[in-house]
Amino acid sequence: MSHPHRSSLSSREHLVRGIAGACVFVAATMLACSESTTEPPDLSGTFYGGATTMAGGSGRAYVTLDAAGTPTELGLALTESALDGLPAAKAEFVFTMPSEASATAYQHAAINWAPTGHEPTAYMVPHFDVHFYMISSQARDAITSADPGYATKLALQPTASFLPAGYAIGMPMERMGMHWRDPASPELSGAPFTSTFIYGSYDGRIVFGEPMIAKSYLDSKPALVVRPLKLPQQYSTTGHQATAYSTVYDATKKEFRIALVNLVRVVASANASRAAP
């Protein structure tokens, strides 16, 4: 006797099992695909160091990272009141970098307030020397005449390829080094001084980059301006360094920002130096 009913049921069981197996395969495949296409975490953001009191306000160093965690901007954010009640004498304000800035070439920053300016004549107006140092605070503190080798280290200049073409030697300063300025800057030909960019060297290597900015310019609460830098062919320090700098007053946050921007990673060349002529 045949059993058609039992035969039919067996076929259904095979069908159900086949479908279930296919579903498991598809689910496993989708999970594998999902795991393999997981997007990396978004590391973007702006990160701040500790606050430093400055005149009637304060300032903080900051770094901005893109989604991959690459630094794109490094600067100082100053409250509006940081420009109020500045001392009549020279003063220095030091800023610590946030840990997120470690991929940059810069280790700390300092604003040197010059209430009567300094030579040459174009810069004899109240202004800020905004130094971004590529050496530690301890190494900078050692740049003094108390070091028996100070004069020799100060006179030892980077070879020409480590400085932008045309940059000329300026003034030496303790706890800074030798300054190098651009003779083509408009203020050196009679234009009003707003800002310029200085490089600094010591012991044969570049140790800082410096936007130098007139207080009167910041007092005007400027809109964002990005100024491309003249760049050297070689670098003394590995890390992300500036190819431009910017100044802006942010009316919403009521703060000024002075920043090194459009950072790109550079690799240090073998240190080369020359004795002062």
C-alpha atoms as a PDB file:
ATOM      1  CA  MET A   1       0.000   0.000   0.000  1.00  0.00           C
ATOM      2  CA  SER A   2       1.332   3.422  -0.910  1.00  0.00           C
ATOM      3  CA  HIS A   3       1.534   6.300   1.516  1.00  0.00           C
ATOM      4  CA  PRO A   4       1.180   9.490  -0.520  1.00  0.00           C
ATOM      5  CA  HIS A   5       0.499  11.610   2.525  1.00  0.00           C
ATOM      6  CA  ARG A   6       3.729  10.551   4.248  1.00  0.00           C
ATOM      7  CA  SER A   7       5.751  11.164   1.072  1.00  0.00           C
ATOM      8  CA  SER A   8       4.271  14.677   0.675  1.00  0.00           C
ATOM      9  CA  LEU A   9       5.062  15.596   4.285  1.00  0.00           C
ATOM     10  CA  SER A  10       8.663  14.493   3.857  1.00  0.00           C
ATOM     11  CA  SER A  11       9.059  16.816   0.856  1.00  0.00           C
ATOM     12  CA  ARG A  12       7.752  19.720   2.860  1.00  0.00           C
ATOM     13  CA  GLU A  13      10.208  18.974   5.621  1.00  0.00           C
ATOM     14  CA  HIS A  14      13.040  19.044   3.116  1.00  0.00           C
ATOM     15  CA  LEU A  15      11.750  22.316   1.733  1.00  0.00           C
ATOM     16  CA  VAL A  16      11.482  23.943   5.164  1.00  0.00           C
ATOM     17  CA  ARG A  17      14.918  22.766   6.124  1.00  0.00           C
ATOM     18  CA  GLY A  18      16.352  24.045   2.860  1.00  0.00           C
ATOM     19  CA  ILE A  19      14.768  27.449   3.363  1.00  0.00           C
ATOM     20  CA  ALA A  20      16.001  27.606   6.964  1.00  0.00           C
ATOM     21  CA  GLY A  21      19.528  26.742   5.875  1.00  0.00           C
ATOM     22  CA  ALA A  22      19.449  29.399   3.172  1.00  0.00           C
ATOM     23  CA  CYS A  23      18.245  31.978   5.695  1.00  0.00           C
ATOM     24  CA  VAL A  24      21.087  31.101   8.043  1.00  0.00           C
ATOM     25  CA  PHE A  25      23.585  31.436   5.168  1.00  0.00           C
ATOM     26  CA  VAL A  26      22.152  34.803   4.079  1.00  0.00           C
ATOM     27  CA  ALA A  27      22.126  36.096   7.673  1.00  0.00           C
ATOM     28  CA  ALA A  28      25.729  35.005   8.194  1.00  0.00           C
ATOM     29  CA  THR A  29      26.761  36.622   4.926  1.00  0.00           C
ATOM     30  CA  MET A  30      25.020  39.890   5.838  1.00  0.00           C
ATOM     31  CA  LEU A  31      26.679  39.904   9.253  1.00  0.00           C
ATOM     32  CA  ALA A  32      30.104  39.312   7.702  1.00  0.00           C
ATOM     33  CA  CYS A  33      29.515  42.090   5.191  1.00  0.00           C
ATOM     34  CA  SER A  34      28.300  44.371   7.956  1.00  0.00           C
ATOM     35  CA  GLU A  35      31.419  43.706  10.005  1.00  0.00           C
ATOM     36  CA  SER A  36      33.762  44.217   7.062  1.00  0.00           C
ATOM     37  CA  THR A  37      32.213  47.560   6.091  1.00  0.00           C
ATOM     38  CA  THR A  38      32.104  49.098   9.571  1.00  0.00           C
ATOM     39  CA  GLU A  39      33.204  52.727   9.253  1.00  0.00           C
ATOM     40  CA  PRO A  40      36.136  53.901  11.387  1.00  0.00           C
ATOM     41  CA  PRO A  41      35.293  56.176  14.331  1.00  0.00           C
ATOM     42  CA  ASP A  42      34.978  59.897  13.691  1.00  0.00           C
ATOM     43  CA  LEU A  43      37.906  61.527  15.551  1.00  0.00           C
ATOM     44  CA  SER A  44      37.133  65.081  14.502  1.00  0.00           C
ATOM     45  CA  GLY A  45      36.788  67.922  16.966  1.00  0.00           C
ATOM     46  CA  THR A  46      38.489  70.893  18.577  1.00  0.00           C
ATOM     47  CA  PHE A  47      40.429  70.180  21.758  1.00  0.00           C
ATOM     48  CA  TYR A  48      41.743  72.694  24.297  1.00  0.00           C
ATOM     49  CA  GLY A  49      44.639  72.968  26.710  1.00  0.00           C
ATOM     50  CA  GLY A  50      44.356  74.577  30.128  1.00  0.00           C
ATOM     51  CA  ALA A  51      43.393  78.224  30.545  1.00  0.00           C
ATOM     52  CA  THR A  52      46.048  80.915  31.069  1.00  0.00           C
ATOM     53  CA  THR A  53      45.128  84.234  32.661  1.00  0.00           C
ATOM     54  CA  MET A  54      45.879  87.124  30.322  1.00  0.00           C
ATOM     55  CA  ALA A  55      45.182  90.733  31.345  1.00  0.00           C
ATOM     56  CA  GLY A  56      41.446  90.975  32.112  1.00  0.00           C
ATOM     57  CA  GLY A  57      40.640  87.639  30.502  1.00  0.00           C
ATOM     58  CA  SER A  58      42.231  84.357  29.536  1.00  0.00           C
ATOM     59  CA  GLY A  59      43.391  82.238  26.632  1.00  0.00           C
ATOM     60  CA  ARG A  60      43.735  78.570  25.689  1.00  0.00           C
ATOM     61  CA  ALA A  61      45.740  76.686  23.106  1.00  0.00           C
ATOM     62  CA  TYR A  62      43.664  74.443  20.877  1.00  0.00           C
ATOM     63  CA  VAL A  63      43.984  71.950  18.050  1.00  0.00           C
ATOM     64  CA  THR A  64      41.404  70.941  15.461  1.00  0.00           C
ATOM     65  CA  LEU A  65      41.429  67.378  14.112  1.00  0.00           C
ATOM     66  CA  ASP A  66      39.674  65.989  11.042  1.00  0.00           C
ATOM     67  CA  ALA A  67      37.658  62.750  11.028  1.00  0.00           C
ATOM     68  CA  ALA A  68      40.826  60.658  10.728  1.00  0.00           C
ATOM     69  CA  GLY A  69      42.390  62.418  13.725  1.00  0.00           C
ATOM     70  CA  THR A  70      44.824  64.424  11.604  1.00  0.00           C
ATOM     71  CA  PRO A  71      45.556  67.953  12.912  1.00  0.00           C
ATOM     72  CA  THR A  72      44.466  70.713  10.555  1.00  0.00           C
ATOM     73  CA  GLU A  73      44.683  73.814  12.771  1.00  0.00           C
ATOM     74  CA  LEU A  74      46.594  74.806  15.891  1.00  0.00           C
ATOM     75  CA  GLY A  75      46.051  78.104  17.622  1.00  0.00           C
ATOM     76  CA  LEU A  76      45.293  80.301  20.592  1.00  0.00           C
ATOM     77  CA  ALA A  77      41.761  81.334  21.517  1.00  0.00           C
ATOM     78  CA  LEU A  78      41.672  84.544  23.583  1.00  0.00           C
ATOM     79  CA  THR A  79      38.643  85.921  25.356  1.00  0.00           C
ATOM     80  CA  GLU A  80      37.675  89.437  24.345  1.00  0.00           C
ATOM     81  CA  SER A  81      38.729  90.753  27.759  1.00  0.00           C
ATOM     82  CA  ALA A  82      42.254  89.315  27.331  1.00  0.00           C
ATOM     83  CA  LEU A  83      43.053  92.498  25.409  1.00  0.00           C
ATOM     84  CA  ASP A  84      41.725  94.759  28.194  1.00  0.00           C
ATOM     85  CA  GLY A  85      43.981  96.043  30.936  1.00  0.00           C
ATOM     86  CA  LEU A  86      47.238  94.814  29.450  1.00  0.00           C
ATOM     87  CA  PRO A  87      50.272  95.908  31.498  1.00  0.00           C
ATOM     88  CA  ALA A  88      52.326  98.976  30.653  1.00  0.00           C
ATOM     89  CA  ALA A  89      55.471  96.840  30.734  1.00  0.00           C
ATOM     90  CA  LYS A  90      56.447  93.857  28.594  1.00  0.00           C
ATOM     91  CA  ALA A  91      54.794  90.601  29.613  1.00  0.00           C
ATOM     92  CA  GLU A  92      54.709  86.953  28.589  1.00  0.00           C
ATOM     93  CA  PHE A  93      51.769  84.548  28.676  1.00  0.00           C
ATOM     94  CA  VAL A  94      52.510  80.832  28.223  1.00  0.00           C
ATOM     95  CA  PHE A  95      50.002  78.250  26.946  1.00  0.00           C
ATOM     96  CA  THR A  96      50.095  74.467  27.210  1.00  0.00           C
ATOM     97  CA  MET A  97      49.064  72.341  24.249  1.00  0.00           C
ATOM     98  CA  PRO A  98      46.267  69.787  24.513  1.00  0.00           C
ATOM     99  CA  SER A  99      47.475  66.193  24.292  1.00  0.00           C
ATOM    100  CA  GLU A 100      45.610  65.855  20.973  1.00  0.00           C
ATOM    101  CA  ALA A 101      48.207  68.200  19.418  1.00  0.00           C
ATOM    102  CA  SER A 102      50.995  65.619  19.789  1.00  0.00           C
ATOM    103  CA  ALA A 103      51.126  64.908  16.043  1.00  0.00           C
ATOM    104  CA  THR A 104      52.042  68.532  15.347  1.00  0.00           C
ATOM    105  CA  ALA A 105      55.598  69.829  15.529  1.00  0.00           C
ATOM    106  CA  TYR A 106      54.664  72.369  18.229  1.00  0.00           C
ATOM    107  CA  GLN A 107      55.187  71.752  21.950  1.00  0.00           C
ATOM    108  CA  HIS A 108      53.974  74.964  23.604  1.00  0.00           C
ATOM    109  CA  ALA A 109      53.061  78.552  22.778  1.00  0.00           C
ATOM    110  CA  ALA A 110      53.703  81.971  24.283  1.00  0.00           C
ATOM    111  CA  ILE A 111      52.398  85.466  23.633  1.00  0.00           C
ATOM    112  CA  ASN A 112      54.922  88.222  24.271  1.00  0.00           C
ATOM    113  CA  TRP A 113      53.189  91.554  24.774  1.00  0.00           C
ATOM    114  CA  ALA A 114      55.274  94.495  23.518  1.00  0.00           C
ATOM    115  CA  PRO A 115      53.448  97.674  24.663  1.00  0.00           C
ATOM    116  CA  THR A 116      55.859 100.030  22.880  1.00  0.00           C
ATOM    117  CA  GLY A 117      56.933  97.632  20.155  1.00  0.00           C
ATOM    118  CA  HIS A 118      60.537  97.062  19.116  1.00  0.00           C
ATOM    119  CA  GLU A 119      62.927  97.643  16.230  1.00  0.00           C
ATOM    120  CA  PRO A 120      62.751  98.017  13.293  1.00  0.00           C
ATOM    121  CA  THR A 121      60.658 101.184  13.202  1.00  0.00           C
ATOM    122  CA  ALA A 122      57.670  99.562  11.493  1.00  0.00           C
ATOM    123  CA  TYR A 123      57.133  97.409  14.585  1.00  0.00           C
ATOM    124  CA  MET A 124      57.439 100.153  17.183  1.00  0.00           C
ATOM    125  CA  VAL A 125      53.729 100.010  17.946  1.00  0.00           C
ATOM    126  CA  PRO A 126      51.880  97.977  20.608  1.00  0.00           C
ATOM    127  CA  HIS A 127      51.758  94.404  19.332  1.00  0.00           C
ATOM    128  CA  PHE A 128      51.766  90.709  20.194  1.00  0.00           C
ATOM    129  CA  ASP A 129      54.580  88.302  19.316  1.00  0.00           C
ATOM    130  CA  VAL A 130      52.740  84.973  19.157  1.00  0.00           C
ATOM    131  CA  HIS A 131      55.362  82.231  19.358  1.00  0.00           C
ATOM    132  CA  PHE A 132      54.588  78.599  18.556  1.00  0.00           C
ATOM    133  CA  TYR A 133      57.632  76.695  19.818  1.00  0.00           C
ATOM    134  CA  MET A 134      58.982  73.422  18.452  1.00  0.00           C
ATOM    135  CA  ILE A 135      61.031  72.894  21.604  1.00  0.00           C
ATOM    136  CA  SER A 136      60.014  72.267  25.194  1.00  0.00           C
ATOM    137  CA  SER A 137      59.574  74.984  27.799  1.00  0.00           C
ATOM    138  CA  GLN A 138      62.702  73.698  29.544  1.00  0.00           C
ATOM    139  CA  ALA A 139      64.775  73.929  26.356  1.00  0.00           C
ATOM    140  CA  ARG A 140      63.500  77.456  25.760  1.00  0.00           C
ATOM    141  CA  ASP A 141      64.341  78.538  29.304  1.00  0.00           C
ATOM    142  CA  ALA A 142      67.914  77.408  28.626  1.00  0.00           C
ATOM    143  CA  ILE A 143      68.305  79.959  25.810  1.00  0.00           C
ATOM    144  CA  THR A 144      70.028  82.546  28.023  1.00  0.00           C
ATOM    145  CA  SER A 145      73.355  84.264  28.389  1.00  0.00           C
ATOM    146  CA  ALA A 146      73.874  82.154  31.533  1.00  0.00           C
ATOM    147  CA  ASP A 147      74.756  79.318  29.130  1.00  0.00           C
ATOM    148  CA  PRO A 148      78.494  79.602  28.271  1.00  0.00           C
ATOM    149  CA  GLY A 149      77.655  78.478  24.735  1.00  0.00           C
ATOM    150  CA  TYR A 150      74.823  80.986  24.257  1.00  0.00           C
ATOM    151  CA  ALA A 151      76.622  83.335  21.843  1.00  0.00           C
ATOM    152  CA  THR A 152      77.871  80.446  19.708  1.00  0.00           C
ATOM    153  CA  LYS A 153      74.452  78.770  19.551  1.00  0.00           C
ATOM    154  CA  LEU A 154      72.765  82.062  18.747  1.00  0.00           C
ATOM    155  CA  ALA A 155      75.203  82.776  15.910  1.00  0.00           C
ATOM    156  CA  LEU A 156      74.854  79.290  14.415  1.00  0.00           C
ATOM    157  CA  GLN A 157      72.370  79.741  11.567  1.00  0.00           C
ATOM    158  CA  PRO A 158      70.312  77.166   9.682  1.00  0.00           C
ATOM    159  CA  THR A 159      71.448  76.653   6.110  1.00  0.00           C
ATOM    160  CA  ALA A 160      69.435  78.593   3.548  1.00  0.00           C
ATOM    161  CA  SER A 161      67.135  75.688   2.630  1.00  0.00           C
ATOM    162  CA  PHE A 162      65.679  75.667   6.164  1.00  0.00           C
ATOM    163  CA  LEU A 163      64.411  79.239   5.747  1.00  0.00           C
ATOM    164  CA  PRO A 164      62.018  80.702   3.171  1.00  0.00           C
ATOM    165  CA  ALA A 165      63.796  82.347   0.257  1.00  0.00           C
ATOM    166  CA  GLY A 166      64.542  85.988   0.942  1.00  0.00           C
ATOM    167  CA  TYR A 167      64.093  85.923   4.722  1.00  0.00           C
ATOM    168  CA  ALA A 168      66.670  88.115   6.482  1.00  0.00           C
ATOM    169  CA  ILE A 169      68.216  87.916   9.914  1.00  0.00           C
ATOM    170  CA  GLY A 170      66.614  90.072  12.612  1.00  0.00           C
ATOM    171  CA  MET A 171      67.173  90.510  16.321  1.00  0.00           C
ATOM    172  CA  PRO A 172      68.383  87.966  18.903  1.00  0.00           C
ATOM    173  CA  MET A 173      66.388  87.499  22.109  1.00  0.00           C
ATOM    174  CA  GLU A 174      66.987  85.419  25.214  1.00  0.00           C
ATOM    175  CA  ARG A 175      64.448  82.621  25.786  1.00  0.00           C
ATOM    176  CA  MET A 176      63.571  82.888  22.082  1.00  0.00           C
ATOM    177  CA  GLY A 177      66.534  82.791  19.738  1.00  0.00           C
ATOM    178  CA  MET A 178      67.415  84.551  16.508  1.00  0.00           C
ATOM    179  CA  HIS A 179      64.500  86.105  14.608  1.00  0.00           C
ATOM    180  CA  TRP A 180      64.161  86.015  10.815  1.00  0.00           C
ATOM    181  CA  ARG A 181      61.789  88.371   8.994  1.00  0.00           C
ATOM    182  CA  ASP A 182      60.494  88.854   5.463  1.00  0.00           C
ATOM    183  CA  PRO A 183      61.918  92.089   3.926  1.00  0.00           C
ATOM    184  CA  ALA A 184      59.025  92.039   1.437  1.00  0.00           C
ATOM    185  CA  SER A 185      56.412  92.529   4.183  1.00  0.00           C
ATOM    186  CA  PRO A 186      54.320  95.610   3.244  1.00  0.00           C
ATOM    187  CA  GLU A 187      54.894  97.444   6.540  1.00  0.00           C
ATOM    188  CA  LEU A 188      58.635  97.523   5.834  1.00  0.00           C
ATOM    189  CA  SER A 189      57.834  99.608   2.754  1.00  0.00           C
ATOM    190  CA  GLY A 190      55.600 102.091   4.575  1.00  0.00           C
ATOM    191  CA  ALA A 191      52.213 100.334   4.754  1.00  0.00           C
ATOM    192  CA  PRO A 192      50.416 100.239   8.118  1.00  0.00           C
ATOM    193  CA  PHE A 193      51.457  97.243  10.191  1.00  0.00           C
ATOM    194  CA  THR A 194      48.740  94.645  10.748  1.00  0.00           C
ATOM    195  CA  SER A 195      50.537  91.286  10.895  1.00  0.00           C
ATOM    196  CA  THR A 196      53.538  89.423   9.581  1.00  0.00           C
ATOM    197  CA  PHE A 197      55.198  86.041  10.072  1.00  0.00           C
ATOM    198  CA  ILE A 198      58.588  85.499  11.712  1.00  0.00           C
ATOM    199  CA  TYR A 199      60.738  82.369  11.937  1.00  0.00           C
ATOM    200  CA  GLY A 200      63.136  81.748  14.820  1.00  0.00           C
ATOM    201  CA  SER A 201      66.343  79.732  15.078  1.00  0.00           C
ATOM    202  CA  TYR A 202      68.764  78.621  17.760  1.00  0.00           C
ATOM    203  CA  ASP A 203      71.810  76.368  17.654  1.00  0.00           C
ATOM    204  CA  GLY A 204      71.438  75.925  13.910  1.00  0.00           C
ATOM    205  CA  ARG A 205      67.782  74.805  13.760  1.00  0.00           C
ATOM    206  CA  ILE A 206      64.356  76.398  13.431  1.00  0.00           C
ATOM    207  CA  VAL A 207      62.687  76.469  16.857  1.00  0.00           C
ATOM    208  CA  PHE A 208      59.549  78.574  16.371  1.00  0.00           C
ATOM    209  CA  GLY A 209      57.061  80.129  13.989  1.00  0.00           C
ATOM    210  CA  GLU A 210      55.597  83.490  14.977  1.00  0.00           C
ATOM    211  CA  PRO A 211      52.609  85.475  13.783  1.00  0.00           C
ATOM    212  CA  MET A 212      53.390  89.034  14.922  1.00  0.00           C
ATOM    213  CA  ILE A 213      50.180  91.045  15.184  1.00  0.00           C
ATOM    214  CA  ALA A 214      49.440  94.715  15.928  1.00  0.00           C
ATOM    215  CA  LYS A 215      47.057  95.277  18.831  1.00  0.00           C
ATOM    216  CA  SER A 216      45.248  97.904  16.768  1.00  0.00           C
ATOM    217  CA  TYR A 217      44.483  95.229  14.192  1.00  0.00           C
ATOM    218  CA  LEU A 218      42.922  92.907  16.753  1.00  0.00           C
ATOM    219  CA  ASP A 219      41.064  95.855  18.293  1.00  0.00           C
ATOM    220  CA  SER A 220      39.330  96.240  14.911  1.00  0.00           C
ATOM    221  CA  LYS A 221      37.789  92.776  15.507  1.00  0.00           C
ATOM    222  CA  PRO A 222      38.834  91.450  12.095  1.00  0.00           C
ATOM    223  CA  ALA A 223      36.894  89.006   9.980  1.00  0.00           C
ATOM    224  CA  LEU A 224      38.677  85.777   9.144  1.00  0.00           C
ATOM    225  CA  VAL A 225      41.803  86.260   7.070  1.00  0.00           C
ATOM    226  CA  VAL A 226      44.054  83.346   6.050  1.00  0.00           C
ATOM    227  CA  ARG A 227      47.553  84.325   4.956  1.00  0.00           C
ATOM    228  CA  PRO A 228      49.737  81.778   3.112  1.00  0.00           C
ATOM    229  CA  LEU A 229      53.252  81.369   4.454  1.00  0.00           C
ATOM    230  CA  LYS A 230      56.499  81.487   2.584  1.00  0.00           C
ATOM    231  CA  LEU A 231      57.919  78.038   3.235  1.00  0.00           C
ATOM    232  CA  PRO A 232      61.402  76.528   3.469  1.00  0.00           C
ATOM    233  CA  GLN A 233      62.605  73.594   1.394  1.00  0.00           C
ATOM    234  CA  GLN A 234      63.670  71.583   4.464  1.00  0.00           C
ATOM    235  CA  TYR A 235      62.511  71.283   8.057  1.00  0.00           C
ATOM    236  CA  SER A 236      64.221  70.876  11.411  1.00  0.00           C
ATOM    237  CA  THR A 237      61.332  69.079  13.156  1.00  0.00           C
ATOM    238  CA  THR A 238      59.087  66.211  12.072  1.00  0.00           C
ATOM    239  CA  GLY A 239      55.346  66.701  12.511  1.00  0.00           C
ATOM    240  CA  HIS A 240      52.402  68.642  11.136  1.00  0.00           C
ATOM    241  CA  GLN A 241      53.426  72.234  10.459  1.00  0.00           C
ATOM    242  CA  ALA A 242      51.669  75.321   9.155  1.00  0.00           C
ATOM    243  CA  THR A 243      51.434  76.400   5.545  1.00  0.00           C
ATOM    244  CA  ALA A 244      49.317  79.458   6.454  1.00  0.00           C
ATOM    245  CA  TYR A 245      48.186  81.440   9.495  1.00  0.00           C
ATOM    246  CA  SER A 246      44.897  83.106  10.321  1.00  0.00           C
ATOM    247  CA  THR A 247      43.390  85.776  12.545  1.00  0.00           C
ATOM    248  CA  VAL A 248      39.716  86.255  13.366  1.00  0.00           C
ATOM    249  CA  TYR A 249      37.339  87.750  15.902  1.00  0.00           C
ATOM    250  CA  ASP A 250      34.413  85.442  16.589  1.00  0.00           C
ATOM    251  CA  ALA A 251      31.457  87.640  17.583  1.00  0.00           C
ATOM    252  CA  THR A 252      29.407  84.638  18.701  1.00  0.00           C
ATOM    253  CA  LYS A 253      32.027  83.301  21.100  1.00  0.00           C
ATOM    254  CA  LYS A 254      33.427  86.778  21.800  1.00  0.00           C
ATOM    255  CA  GLU A 255      36.979  85.581  21.306  1.00  0.00           C
ATOM    256  CA  PHE A 256      39.998  86.198  19.124  1.00  0.00           C
ATOM    257  CA  ARG A 257      41.750  83.273  17.433  1.00  0.00           C
ATOM    258  CA  ILE A 258      45.308  83.390  16.159  1.00  0.00           C
ATOM    259  CA  ALA A 259      46.129  80.128  14.445  1.00  0.00           C
ATOM    260  CA  LEU A 260      48.518  78.122  12.337  1.00  0.00           C
ATOM    261  CA  VAL A 261      46.327  76.543   9.652  1.00  0.00           C
ATOM    262  CA  ASN A 262      46.383  74.177   6.679  1.00  0.00           C
ATOM    263  CA  LEU A 263      48.811  71.946   8.546  1.00  0.00           C
ATOM    264  CA  VAL A 264      50.749  69.354   6.570  1.00  0.00           C
ATOM    265  CA  ARG A 265      53.071  66.647   7.826  1.00  0.00           C
ATOM    266  CA  VAL A 266      56.761  67.238   7.166  1.00  0.00           C
ATOM    267  CA  VAL A 267      59.804  65.104   7.931  1.00  0.00           C
ATOM    268  CA  ALA A 268      62.940  66.611   9.409  1.00  0.00           C
ATOM    269  CA  SER A 269      66.057  66.659   7.271  1.00  0.00           C
ATOM    270  CA  ALA A 270      69.495  66.015   8.694  1.00  0.00           C
ATOM    271  CA  ASN A 271      70.377  69.105  10.684  1.00  0.00           C
ATOM    272  CA  ALA A 272      72.627  71.459   8.758  1.00  0.00           C
ATOM    273  CA  SER A 273      73.915  74.801   9.945  1.00  0.00           C
ATOM    274  CA  ARG A 274      76.429  77.468   9.129  1.00  0.00           C
ATOM    275  CA  ALA A 275      78.440  79.924  11.133  1.00  0.00           C
ATOM    276  CA  ALA A 276      77.218  83.515  11.020  1.00  0.00           C
ATOM    277  CA  PRO A 277      79.046  85.473   8.308  1.00  0.00           C
END
